[in-house]
Amino acid sequence: SGSSLVFTAASNTFEAQSSSTSWAFSGDSFGLRIVAD
């Protein structure tokens, strides 16, 4: 619709998994600049 962008992951590169009672964390940061016409 000219105003929505959908970024789809090519693979499961951002994930968290655990088989123990300890927490496993994964984080990322993604930056964009938006400039009006």
Full PDB file with SEQRES, HELIX, SHEET, SSBOND, CRYST1, ORIGX, SCALE, CONECT and MASTER records, all heavy atoms in Angstrom:
SEQRES   1 A   37  SER GLY SER SER LEU VAL PHE THR ALA ALA SER ASN THR          
SEQRES   2 A   37  PHE GLU ALA GLN SER SER SER THR SER TRP ALA PHE SER          
SEQRES   3 A   37  GLY ASP SER PHE GLY LEU ARG ILE VAL ALA ASP                  
CRYST1    1.000    1.000    1.000  90.00  90.00  90.00 P 1           1          
ORIGX1      1.000000  0.000000  0.000000        0.00000                         
ORIGX2      0.000000  1.000000  0.000000        0.00000                         
ORIGX3      0.000000  0.000000  1.000000        0.00000                         
SCALE1      1.000000  0.000000  0.000000        0.00000                         
SCALE2      0.000000  1.000000  0.000000        0.00000                         
SCALE3      0.000000  0.000000  1.000000        0.00000                         
ATOM      1  N   SER A   1       0.816  -1.225   0.000  1.00  0.00           N  
ATOM      2  CA  SER A   1       0.000   0.000   0.000  1.00  0.00           C  
ATOM      3  C   SER A   1       0.844   1.268   0.000  1.00  0.00           C  
ATOM      4  O   SER A   1       0.351   2.336   0.338  1.00  0.00           O  
ATOM      5  CB  SER A   1      -0.939   0.008   1.219  1.00  0.00           C  
ATOM      6  OG  SER A   1      -1.753  -1.134   1.231  1.00  0.00           O  
ATOM      7  N   GLY A   2       2.111   1.152  -0.356  1.00  0.00           N  
ATOM      8  CA  GLY A   2       2.960   2.326  -0.454  1.00  0.00           C  
ATOM      9  C   GLY A   2       3.429   2.897   0.862  1.00  0.00           C  
ATOM     10  O   GLY A   2       4.265   3.794   0.887  1.00  0.00           O  
ATOM     11  N   SER A   3       2.919   2.411   2.004  1.00  0.00           N  
ATOM     12  CA  SER A   3       3.289   3.010   3.288  1.00  0.00           C  
ATOM     13  C   SER A   3       3.706   1.988   4.339  1.00  0.00           C  
ATOM     14  O   SER A   3       4.068   2.367   5.446  1.00  0.00           O  
ATOM     15  CB  SER A   3       2.112   3.829   3.838  1.00  0.00           C  
ATOM     16  OG  SER A   3       0.981   3.018   4.053  1.00  0.00           O  
ATOM     17  N   SER A   4       3.646   0.687   4.032  1.00  0.00           N  
ATOM     18  CA  SER A   4       4.023  -0.360   4.977  1.00  0.00           C  
ATOM     19  C   SER A   4       5.143  -1.214   4.395  1.00  0.00           C  
ATOM     20  O   SER A   4       5.053  -1.682   3.257  1.00  0.00           O  
ATOM     21  CB  SER A   4       2.828  -1.251   5.320  1.00  0.00           C  
ATOM     22  OG  SER A   4       1.836  -0.516   6.008  1.00  0.00           O  
ATOM     23  N   LEU A   5       6.199  -1.423   5.177  1.00  0.00           N  
ATOM     24  CA  LEU A   5       7.327  -2.242   4.768  1.00  0.00           C  
ATOM     25  C   LEU A   5       7.384  -3.468   5.662  1.00  0.00           C  
ATOM     26  O   LEU A   5       7.292  -3.356   6.887  1.00  0.00           O  
ATOM     27  CB  LEU A   5       8.645  -1.470   4.891  1.00  0.00           C  
ATOM     28  CG  LEU A   5       8.997  -0.440   3.811  1.00  0.00           C  
ATOM     29  CD1 LEU A   5       8.030   0.731   3.833  1.00  0.00           C  
ATOM     30  CD2 LEU A   5      10.417   0.054   4.023  1.00  0.00           C  
ATOM     31  N   VAL A   6       7.533  -4.645   5.073  1.00  0.00           N  
ATOM     32  CA  VAL A   6       7.620  -5.893   5.827  1.00  0.00           C  
ATOM     33  C   VAL A   6       8.982  -6.525   5.574  1.00  0.00           C  
ATOM     34  O   VAL A   6       9.307  -6.892   4.439  1.00  0.00           O  
ATOM     35  CB  VAL A   6       6.506  -6.878   5.440  1.00  0.00           C  
ATOM     36  CG1 VAL A   6       6.639  -8.174   6.245  1.00  0.00           C  
ATOM     37  CG2 VAL A   6       5.138  -6.255   5.684  1.00  0.00           C  
ATOM     38  N   PHE A   7       9.793  -6.639   6.632  1.00  0.00           N  
ATOM     39  CA  PHE A   7      11.089  -7.286   6.564  1.00  0.00           C  
ATOM     40  C   PHE A   7      10.921  -8.721   7.065  1.00  0.00           C  
ATOM     41  O   PHE A   7      10.534  -8.940   8.213  1.00  0.00           O  
ATOM     42  CB  PHE A   7      12.113  -6.561   7.432  1.00  0.00           C  
ATOM     43  CG  PHE A   7      12.402  -5.158   6.987  1.00  0.00           C  
ATOM     44  CD1 PHE A   7      11.581  -4.110   7.376  1.00  0.00           C  
ATOM     45  CD2 PHE A   7      13.500  -4.875   6.189  1.00  0.00           C  
ATOM     46  CE1 PHE A   7      11.845  -2.804   6.985  1.00  0.00           C  
ATOM     47  CE2 PHE A   7      13.768  -3.578   5.790  1.00  0.00           C  
ATOM     48  CZ  PHE A   7      12.944  -2.536   6.186  1.00  0.00           C  
ATOM     49  N   THR A   8      11.217  -9.704   6.227  1.00  0.00           N  
ATOM     50  CA  THR A   8      11.056 -11.112   6.593  1.00  0.00           C  
ATOM     51  C   THR A   8      12.420 -11.763   6.757  1.00  0.00           C  
ATOM     52  O   THR A   8      13.271 -11.664   5.866  1.00  0.00           O  
ATOM     53  CB  THR A   8      10.255 -11.872   5.530  1.00  0.00           C  
ATOM     54  OG1 THR A   8       8.993 -11.235   5.345  1.00  0.00           O  
ATOM     55  CG2 THR A   8      10.026 -13.311   5.951  1.00  0.00           C  
ATOM     56  N   ALA A   9      12.624 -12.411   7.892  1.00  0.00           N  
ATOM     57  CA  ALA A   9      13.898 -13.069   8.156  1.00  0.00           C  
ATOM     58  C   ALA A   9      14.135 -14.199   7.170  1.00  0.00           C  
ATOM     59  O   ALA A   9      13.243 -14.994   6.888  1.00  0.00           O  
ATOM     60  CB  ALA A   9      13.918 -13.605   9.580  1.00  0.00           C  
ATOM     61  N   ALA A  10      15.354 -14.274   6.648  1.00  0.00           N  
ATOM     62  CA  ALA A  10      15.694 -15.329   5.705  1.00  0.00           C  
ATOM     63  C   ALA A  10      15.890 -16.668   6.411  1.00  0.00           C  
ATOM     64  O   ALA A  10      15.718 -17.723   5.822  1.00  0.00           O  
ATOM     65  CB  ALA A  10      16.969 -14.958   4.951  1.00  0.00           C  
ATOM     66  N   SER A  11      16.245 -16.638   7.685  1.00  0.00           N  
ATOM     67  CA  SER A  11      16.436 -17.861   8.460  1.00  0.00           C  
ATOM     68  C   SER A  11      16.258 -17.520   9.932  1.00  0.00           C  
ATOM     69  O   SER A  11      16.088 -16.363  10.311  1.00  0.00           O  
ATOM     70  CB  SER A  11      17.835 -18.447   8.226  1.00  0.00           C  
ATOM     71  OG  SER A  11      18.828 -17.527   8.635  1.00  0.00           O  
ATOM     72  N   ASN A  12      16.290 -18.553  10.787  1.00  0.00           N  
ATOM     73  CA  ASN A  12      16.106 -18.325  12.225  1.00  0.00           C  
ATOM     74  C   ASN A  12      17.398 -17.823  12.866  1.00  0.00           C  
ATOM     75  O   ASN A  12      18.003 -18.471  13.714  1.00  0.00           O  
ATOM     76  CB  ASN A  12      15.648 -19.617  12.918  1.00  0.00           C  
ATOM     77  CG  ASN A  12      14.262 -20.031  12.467  1.00  0.00           C  
ATOM     78  OD1 ASN A  12      13.462 -19.186  12.075  1.00  0.00           O  
ATOM     79  ND2 ASN A  12      13.990 -21.315  12.517  1.00  0.00           N  
ATOM     80  N   THR A  13      17.838 -16.642  12.421  1.00  0.00           N  
ATOM     81  CA  THR A  13      19.083 -16.095  12.949  1.00  0.00           C  
ATOM     82  C   THR A  13      18.866 -15.308  14.227  1.00  0.00           C  
ATOM     83  O   THR A  13      19.820 -14.999  14.924  1.00  0.00           O  
ATOM     84  CB  THR A  13      19.753 -15.202  11.903  1.00  0.00           C  
ATOM     85  OG1 THR A  13      18.803 -14.216  11.455  1.00  0.00           O  
ATOM     86  CG2 THR A  13      20.227 -16.018  10.711  1.00  0.00           C  
ATOM     87  N   PHE A  14      17.621 -14.931  14.535  1.00  0.00           N  
ATOM     88  CA  PHE A  14      17.347 -14.230  15.785  1.00  0.00           C  
ATOM     89  C   PHE A  14      16.386 -15.090  16.591  1.00  0.00           C  
ATOM     90  O   PHE A  14      15.191 -15.136  16.324  1.00  0.00           O  
ATOM     91  CB  PHE A  14      16.760 -12.845  15.510  1.00  0.00           C  
ATOM     92  CG  PHE A  14      16.512 -12.053  16.768  1.00  0.00           C  
ATOM     93  CD1 PHE A  14      17.405 -12.100  17.823  1.00  0.00           C  
ATOM     94  CD2 PHE A  14      15.390 -11.272  16.907  1.00  0.00           C  
ATOM     95  CE1 PHE A  14      17.182 -11.385  18.987  1.00  0.00           C  
ATOM     96  CE2 PHE A  14      15.155 -10.543  18.057  1.00  0.00           C  
ATOM     97  CZ  PHE A  14      16.059 -10.602  19.108  1.00  0.00           C  
ATOM     98  N   GLU A  15      16.934 -15.781  17.576  1.00  0.00           N  
ATOM     99  CA  GLU A  15      16.131 -16.720  18.356  1.00  0.00           C  
ATOM    100  C   GLU A  15      16.752 -16.908  19.729  1.00  0.00           C  
ATOM    101  O   GLU A  15      17.903 -16.529  19.977  1.00  0.00           O  
ATOM    102  CB  GLU A  15      16.063 -18.075  17.649  1.00  0.00           C  
ATOM    103  CG  GLU A  15      17.427 -18.722  17.481  1.00  0.00           C  
ATOM    104  CD  GLU A  15      17.401 -20.006  16.676  1.00  0.00           C  
ATOM    105  OE1 GLU A  15      16.575 -20.098  15.738  1.00  0.00           O  
ATOM    106  OE2 GLU A  15      18.205 -20.916  16.982  1.00  0.00           O  
ATOM    107  N   ALA A  16      15.978 -17.503  20.630  1.00  0.00           N  
ATOM    108  CA  ALA A  16      16.458 -17.886  21.959  1.00  0.00           C  
ATOM    109  C   ALA A  16      15.912 -19.269  22.248  1.00  0.00           C  
ATOM    110  O   ALA A  16      14.733 -19.543  21.983  1.00  0.00           O  
ATOM    111  CB  ALA A  16      16.006 -16.890  23.020  1.00  0.00           C  
ATOM    112  N   GLN A  17      16.754 -20.155  22.754  1.00  0.00           N  
ATOM    113  CA  GLN A  17      16.295 -21.497  23.089  1.00  0.00           C  
ATOM    114  C   GLN A  17      17.043 -21.995  24.318  1.00  0.00           C  
ATOM    115  O   GLN A  17      18.185 -21.593  24.579  1.00  0.00           O  
ATOM    116  CB  GLN A  17      16.485 -22.447  21.918  1.00  0.00           C  
ATOM    117  CG  GLN A  17      17.892 -22.544  21.365  1.00  0.00           C  
ATOM    118  CD  GLN A  17      17.945 -23.451  20.148  1.00  0.00           C  
ATOM    119  OE1 GLN A  17      17.211 -24.416  20.045  1.00  0.00           O  
ATOM    120  NE2 GLN A  17      18.814 -23.124  19.197  1.00  0.00           N  
ATOM    121  N   SER A  18      16.381 -22.874  25.063  1.00  0.00           N  
ATOM    122  CA  SER A  18      16.969 -23.376  26.302  1.00  0.00           C  
ATOM    123  C   SER A  18      16.416 -24.758  26.615  1.00  0.00           C  
ATOM    124  O   SER A  18      15.253 -25.061  26.333  1.00  0.00           O  
ATOM    125  CB  SER A  18      16.661 -22.418  27.461  1.00  0.00           C  
ATOM    126  OG  SER A  18      17.130 -22.945  28.683  1.00  0.00           O  
ATOM    127  N   SER A  19      17.270 -25.588  27.179  1.00  0.00           N  
ATOM    128  CA  SER A  19      16.855 -26.890  27.691  1.00  0.00           C  
ATOM    129  C   SER A  19      17.215 -27.013  29.170  1.00  0.00           C  
ATOM    130  O   SER A  19      17.236 -28.110  29.724  1.00  0.00           O  
ATOM    131  CB  SER A  19      17.525 -28.023  26.898  1.00  0.00           C  
ATOM    132  OG  SER A  19      18.937 -27.892  26.945  1.00  0.00           O  
ATOM    133  N   SER A  20      17.500 -25.861  29.795  1.00  0.00           N  
ATOM    134  CA  SER A  20      17.821 -25.829  31.222  1.00  0.00           C  
ATOM    135  C   SER A  20      16.882 -24.853  31.919  1.00  0.00           C  
ATOM    136  O   SER A  20      16.120 -24.132  31.282  1.00  0.00           O  
ATOM    137  CB  SER A  20      19.277 -25.397  31.436  1.00  0.00           C  
ATOM    138  OG  SER A  20      19.431 -24.014  31.171  1.00  0.00           O  
ATOM    139  N   THR A  21      16.961 -24.820  33.231  1.00  0.00           N  
ATOM    140  CA  THR A  21      16.090 -23.929  34.004  1.00  0.00           C  
ATOM    141  C   THR A  21      16.634 -22.510  34.072  1.00  0.00           C  
ATOM    142  O   THR A  21      16.040 -21.659  34.738  1.00  0.00           O  
ATOM    143  CB  THR A  21      15.901 -24.488  35.424  1.00  0.00           C  
ATOM    144  OG1 THR A  21      17.195 -24.669  36.038  1.00  0.00           O  
ATOM    145  CG2 THR A  21      15.169 -25.814  35.393  1.00  0.00           C  
ATOM    146  N   SER A  22      17.738 -22.246  33.406  1.00  0.00           N  
ATOM    147  CA  SER A  22      18.308 -20.893  33.351  1.00  0.00           C  
ATOM    148  C   SER A  22      17.802 -20.170  32.105  1.00  0.00           C  
ATOM    149  O   SER A  22      17.620 -20.783  31.048  1.00  0.00           O  
ATOM    150  CB  SER A  22      19.840 -20.957  33.330  1.00  0.00           C  
ATOM    151  OG  SER A  22      20.342 -21.575  34.488  1.00  0.00           O  
ATOM    152  N   TRP A  23      17.593 -18.869  32.234  1.00  0.00           N  
ATOM    153  CA  TRP A  23      17.137 -18.073  31.098  1.00  0.00           C  
ATOM    154  C   TRP A  23      18.258 -17.932  30.072  1.00  0.00           C  
ATOM    155  O   TRP A  23      19.417 -17.699  30.418  1.00  0.00           O  
ATOM    156  CB  TRP A  23      16.697 -16.688  31.555  1.00  0.00           C  
ATOM    157  CG  TRP A  23      15.310 -16.638  32.108  1.00  0.00           C  
ATOM    158  CD1 TRP A  23      14.945 -16.668  33.413  1.00  0.00           C  
ATOM    159  CD2 TRP A  23      14.099 -16.552  31.351  1.00  0.00           C  
ATOM    160  NE1 TRP A  23      13.586 -16.603  33.539  1.00  0.00           N  
ATOM    161  CE2 TRP A  23      13.033 -16.526  32.295  1.00  0.00           C  
ATOM    162  CE3 TRP A  23      13.804 -16.492  29.993  1.00  0.00           C  
ATOM    163  CZ2 TRP A  23      11.696 -16.445  31.897  1.00  0.00           C  
ATOM    164  CZ3 TRP A  23      12.475 -16.413  29.601  1.00  0.00           C  
ATOM    165  CH2 TRP A  23      11.436 -16.393  30.547  1.00  0.00           C  
ATOM    166  N   ALA A  24      17.918 -18.044  28.799  1.00  0.00           N  
ATOM    167  CA  ALA A  24      18.815 -17.744  27.681  1.00  0.00           C  
ATOM    168  C   ALA A  24      18.199 -16.586  26.910  1.00  0.00           C  
ATOM    169  O   ALA A  24      17.018 -16.637  26.546  1.00  0.00           O  
ATOM    170  CB  ALA A  24      18.980 -18.964  26.781  1.00  0.00           C  
ATOM    171  N   PHE A  25      18.986 -15.529  26.687  1.00  0.00           N  
ATOM    172  CA  PHE A  25      18.466 -14.330  26.035  1.00  0.00           C  
ATOM    173  C   PHE A  25      19.195 -14.046  24.732  1.00  0.00           C  
ATOM    174  O   PHE A  25      20.371 -14.392  24.559  1.00  0.00           O  
ATOM    175  CB  PHE A  25      18.596 -13.110  26.958  1.00  0.00           C  
ATOM    176  CG  PHE A  25      17.661 -13.121  28.133  1.00  0.00           C  
ATOM    177  CD1 PHE A  25      18.123 -13.492  29.388  1.00  0.00           C  
ATOM    178  CD2 PHE A  25      16.334 -12.765  27.985  1.00  0.00           C  
ATOM    179  CE1 PHE A  25      17.263 -13.508  30.476  1.00  0.00           C  
ATOM    180  CE2 PHE A  25      15.465 -12.772  29.060  1.00  0.00           C  
ATOM    181  CZ  PHE A  25      15.939 -13.146  30.313  1.00  0.00           C  
ATOM    182  N   SER A  26      18.479 -13.394  23.822  1.00  0.00           N  
ATOM    183  CA  SER A  26      19.051 -12.932  22.567  1.00  0.00           C  
ATOM    184  C   SER A  26      18.448 -11.567  22.258  1.00  0.00           C  
ATOM    185  O   SER A  26      17.235 -11.377  22.393  1.00  0.00           O  
ATOM    186  CB  SER A  26      18.749 -13.918  21.439  1.00  0.00           C  
ATOM    187  OG  SER A  26      19.291 -13.462  20.212  1.00  0.00           O  
ATOM    188  N   GLY A  27      19.278 -10.614  21.868  1.00  0.00           N  
ATOM    189  CA  GLY A  27      18.769  -9.271  21.579  1.00  0.00           C  
ATOM    190  C   GLY A  27      19.373  -8.707  20.306  1.00  0.00           C  
ATOM    191  O   GLY A  27      20.444  -9.116  19.862  1.00  0.00           O  
ATOM    192  N   ASP A  28      18.662  -7.773  19.688  1.00  0.00           N  
ATOM    193  CA  ASP A  28      19.201  -7.084  18.529  1.00  0.00           C  
ATOM    194  C   ASP A  28      18.639  -5.674  18.459  1.00  0.00           C  
ATOM    195  O   ASP A  28      17.691  -5.320  19.166  1.00  0.00           O  
ATOM    196  CB  ASP A  28      18.930  -7.854  17.232  1.00  0.00           C  
ATOM    197  CG  ASP A  28      17.485  -7.742  16.761  1.00  0.00           C  
ATOM    198  OD1 ASP A  28      16.629  -7.275  17.533  1.00  0.00           O  
ATOM    199  OD2 ASP A  28      17.204  -8.132  15.607  1.00  0.00           O  
ATOM    200  N   SER A  29      19.266  -4.849  17.623  1.00  0.00           N  
ATOM    201  CA  SER A  29      18.855  -3.458  17.444  1.00  0.00           C  
ATOM    202  C   SER A  29      18.881  -3.137  15.957  1.00  0.00           C  
ATOM    203  O   SER A  29      19.854  -3.439  15.267  1.00  0.00           O  
ATOM    204  CB  SER A  29      19.809  -2.532  18.209  1.00  0.00           C  
ATOM    205  OG  SER A  29      19.358  -1.199  18.184  1.00  0.00           O  
ATOM    206  N   PHE A  30      17.807  -2.541  15.465  1.00  0.00           N  
ATOM    207  CA  PHE A  30      17.622  -2.300  14.033  1.00  0.00           C  
ATOM    208  C   PHE A  30      17.246  -0.837  13.848  1.00  0.00           C  
ATOM    209  O   PHE A  30      16.255  -0.373  14.414  1.00  0.00           O  
ATOM    210  CB  PHE A  30      16.526  -3.233  13.516  1.00  0.00           C  
ATOM    211  CG  PHE A  30      16.169  -3.058  12.061  1.00  0.00           C  
ATOM    212  CD1 PHE A  30      17.116  -2.696  11.130  1.00  0.00           C  
ATOM    213  CD2 PHE A  30      14.875  -3.286  11.623  1.00  0.00           C  
ATOM    214  CE1 PHE A  30      16.791  -2.554   9.792  1.00  0.00           C  
ATOM    215  CE2 PHE A  30      14.531  -3.156  10.291  1.00  0.00           C  
ATOM    216  CZ  PHE A  30      15.494  -2.789   9.371  1.00  0.00           C  
ATOM    217  N   GLY A  31      18.037  -0.079  13.098  1.00  0.00           N  
ATOM    218  CA  GLY A  31      17.799   1.356  12.932  1.00  0.00           C  
ATOM    219  C   GLY A  31      17.396   1.737  11.529  1.00  0.00           C  
ATOM    220  O   GLY A  31      17.920   1.204  10.540  1.00  0.00           O  
ATOM    221  N   LEU A  32      16.429   2.663  11.422  1.00  0.00           N  
ATOM    222  CA  LEU A  32      15.998   3.205  10.137  1.00  0.00           C  
ATOM    223  C   LEU A  32      15.865   4.719  10.250  1.00  0.00           C  
ATOM    224  O   LEU A  32      15.545   5.242  11.313  1.00  0.00           O  
ATOM    225  CB  LEU A  32      14.639   2.646   9.718  1.00  0.00           C  
ATOM    226  CG  LEU A  32      14.407   1.151   9.718  1.00  0.00           C  
ATOM    227  CD1 LEU A  32      13.494   0.789  10.876  1.00  0.00           C  
ATOM    228  CD2 LEU A  32      13.773   0.718   8.412  1.00  0.00           C  
ATOM    229  N   ARG A  33      16.068   5.381   9.120  1.00  0.00           N  
ATOM    230  CA  ARG A  33      15.813   6.818   9.042  1.00  0.00           C  
ATOM    231  C   ARG A  33      14.634   7.028   8.098  1.00  0.00           C  
ATOM    232  O   ARG A  33      14.616   6.502   6.984  1.00  0.00           O  
ATOM    233  CB  ARG A  33      17.047   7.555   8.518  1.00  0.00           C  
ATOM    234  CG  ARG A  33      16.858   9.068   8.446  1.00  0.00           C  
ATOM    235  CD  ARG A  33      18.056   9.723   7.802  1.00  0.00           C  
ATOM    236  NE  ARG A  33      17.864  11.151   7.637  1.00  0.00           N  
ATOM    237  CZ  ARG A  33      18.561  11.909   6.786  1.00  0.00           C  
ATOM    238  NH1 ARG A  33      19.506  11.353   6.022  1.00  0.00           N  
ATOM    239  NH2 ARG A  33      18.324  13.196   6.694  1.00  0.00           N  
ATOM    240  N   ILE A  34      13.644   7.797   8.543  1.00  0.00           N  
ATOM    241  CA  ILE A  34      12.456   8.084   7.742  1.00  0.00           C  
ATOM    242  C   ILE A  34      12.460   9.572   7.403  1.00  0.00           C  
ATOM    243  O   ILE A  34      12.511  10.416   8.311  1.00  0.00           O  
ATOM    244  CB  ILE A  34      11.167   7.723   8.500  1.00  0.00           C  
ATOM    245  CG1 ILE A  34      11.230   6.278   9.008  1.00  0.00           C  
ATOM    246  CG2 ILE A  34       9.949   7.916   7.621  1.00  0.00           C  
ATOM    247  CD1 ILE A  34      10.081   5.907   9.923  1.00  0.00           C  
ATOM    248  N   VAL A  35      12.409   9.892   6.124  1.00  0.00           N  
ATOM    249  CA  VAL A  35      12.455  11.285   5.665  1.00  0.00           C  
ATOM    250  C   VAL A  35      11.223  11.570   4.812  1.00  0.00           C  
ATOM    251  O   VAL A  35      10.958  10.855   3.827  1.00  0.00           O  
ATOM    252  CB  VAL A  35      13.733  11.570   4.855  1.00  0.00           C  
ATOM    253  CG1 VAL A  35      13.766  13.026   4.398  1.00  0.00           C  
ATOM    254  CG2 VAL A  35      14.975  11.239   5.680  1.00  0.00           C  
ATOM    255  N   ALA A  36      10.467  12.582   5.176  1.00  0.00           N  
ATOM    256  CA  ALA A  36       9.260  12.939   4.429  1.00  0.00           C  
ATOM    257  C   ALA A  36       9.617  13.537   3.074  1.00  0.00           C  
ATOM    258  O   ALA A  36      10.613  14.248   2.931  1.00  0.00           O  
ATOM    259  CB  ALA A  36       8.415  13.918   5.231  1.00  0.00           C  
ATOM    260  N   ASP A  37       8.789  13.263   2.078  1.00  0.00           N  
ATOM    261  CA  ASP A  37       8.944  13.899   0.772  1.00  0.00           C  
ATOM    262  C   ASP A  37       8.581  15.375   0.882  1.00  0.00           C  
ATOM    263  O   ASP A  37       7.899  15.799   1.824  1.00  0.00           O  
ATOM    264  CB  ASP A  37       8.023  13.233  -0.256  1.00  0.00           C  
ATOM    265  CG  ASP A  37       8.491  11.840  -0.641  1.00  0.00           C  
ATOM    266  OD1 ASP A  37       9.632  11.482  -0.299  1.00  0.00           O  
ATOM    267  OD2 ASP A  37       7.700  11.113  -1.274  1.00  0.00           O  
TER     268      ASP A  37                                                      
MASTER        0    0    0    0    0    0    0    6  267    1    0    3          
END                                                                             
